[in-house]
Amino acid sequence: MAKKIFFMGAGAFECTICGMKYREKSHADACETWCKEHPNTCDPKIAKKSIQE
């Protein structure tokens, strides 16, 4: 389950497997599902919704 965090002055959600951050929990949950099923890879459709540091 994605972890709620404070990032860049606002609430966000973080994938607990790869650490990518998202504004919407549903995107972080989708990222975690992908990470569990496909270790050490990223889904470009999900990753493009991440918050850039």
Protein backbone atom coordinates (compact mmCIF):
# COMPACT_ATOMS: atom_id res chain seq x y z
CA MET A 1 0.00 0.00 0.00
CA ALA A 2 1.32 3.42 -0.96
CA LYS A 3 2.67 5.60 1.82
CA LYS A 4 1.30 9.13 2.39
CA ILE A 5 4.11 11.70 2.50
CA PHE A 6 4.70 15.47 2.40
CA PHE A 7 6.62 16.41 -0.75
CA MET A 8 7.35 19.74 -2.44
CA GLY A 9 5.01 21.63 -0.14
CA ALA A 10 2.00 19.33 -0.53
CA GLY A 11 0.65 15.90 0.29
CA ALA A 12 1.71 13.06 -1.98
CA PHE A 13 1.93 9.27 -2.09
CA GLU A 14 5.05 7.16 -2.49
CA CYS A 15 5.48 3.67 -3.90
CA THR A 16 7.08 1.75 -1.04
CA ILE A 17 8.96 -0.49 -3.48
CA CYS A 18 10.67 1.90 -5.91
CA GLY A 19 10.14 5.25 -4.15
CA MET A 20 8.45 7.10 -7.02
CA LYS A 21 6.10 9.82 -5.80
CA TYR A 22 2.61 10.71 -7.03
CA ARG A 23 -0.08 13.28 -6.17
CA GLU A 24 -2.84 10.66 -6.49
CA LYS A 25 -2.98 7.52 -4.36
CA SER A 26 -4.39 5.48 -7.24
CA HIS A 27 -1.23 6.15 -9.29
CA ALA A 28 1.06 5.14 -6.41
CA ASP A 29 -0.99 1.97 -5.86
CA ALA A 30 -0.74 1.13 -9.58
CA CYS A 31 3.02 1.66 -9.40
CA GLU A 32 3.30 -0.72 -6.44
CA THR A 33 1.27 -3.36 -8.25
CA TRP A 34 3.55 -3.04 -11.28
CA CYS A 35 6.70 -3.20 -9.10
CA LYS A 36 5.50 -6.40 -7.42
CA GLU A 37 4.70 -8.10 -10.73
CA HIS A 38 7.71 -6.78 -12.72
CA PRO A 39 10.70 -6.24 -10.37
CA ASN A 40 13.33 -3.66 -11.39
CA THR A 41 11.22 -2.20 -14.22
CA CYS A 42 8.95 0.81 -14.65
CA ASP A 43 5.73 1.12 -16.62
CA PRO A 44 6.15 4.31 -18.69
CA LYS A 45 2.40 5.02 -18.56
CA ILE A 46 2.50 5.07 -14.75
CA ALA A 47 5.94 6.66 -14.39
CA LYS A 48 4.99 9.70 -16.49
CA LYS A 49 2.40 10.57 -13.82
CA SER A 50 5.06 10.73 -11.10
CA ILE A 51 6.23 13.91 -9.41
CA GLN A 52 9.66 14.94 -10.59
CA GLU A 53 12.18 16.02 -7.97
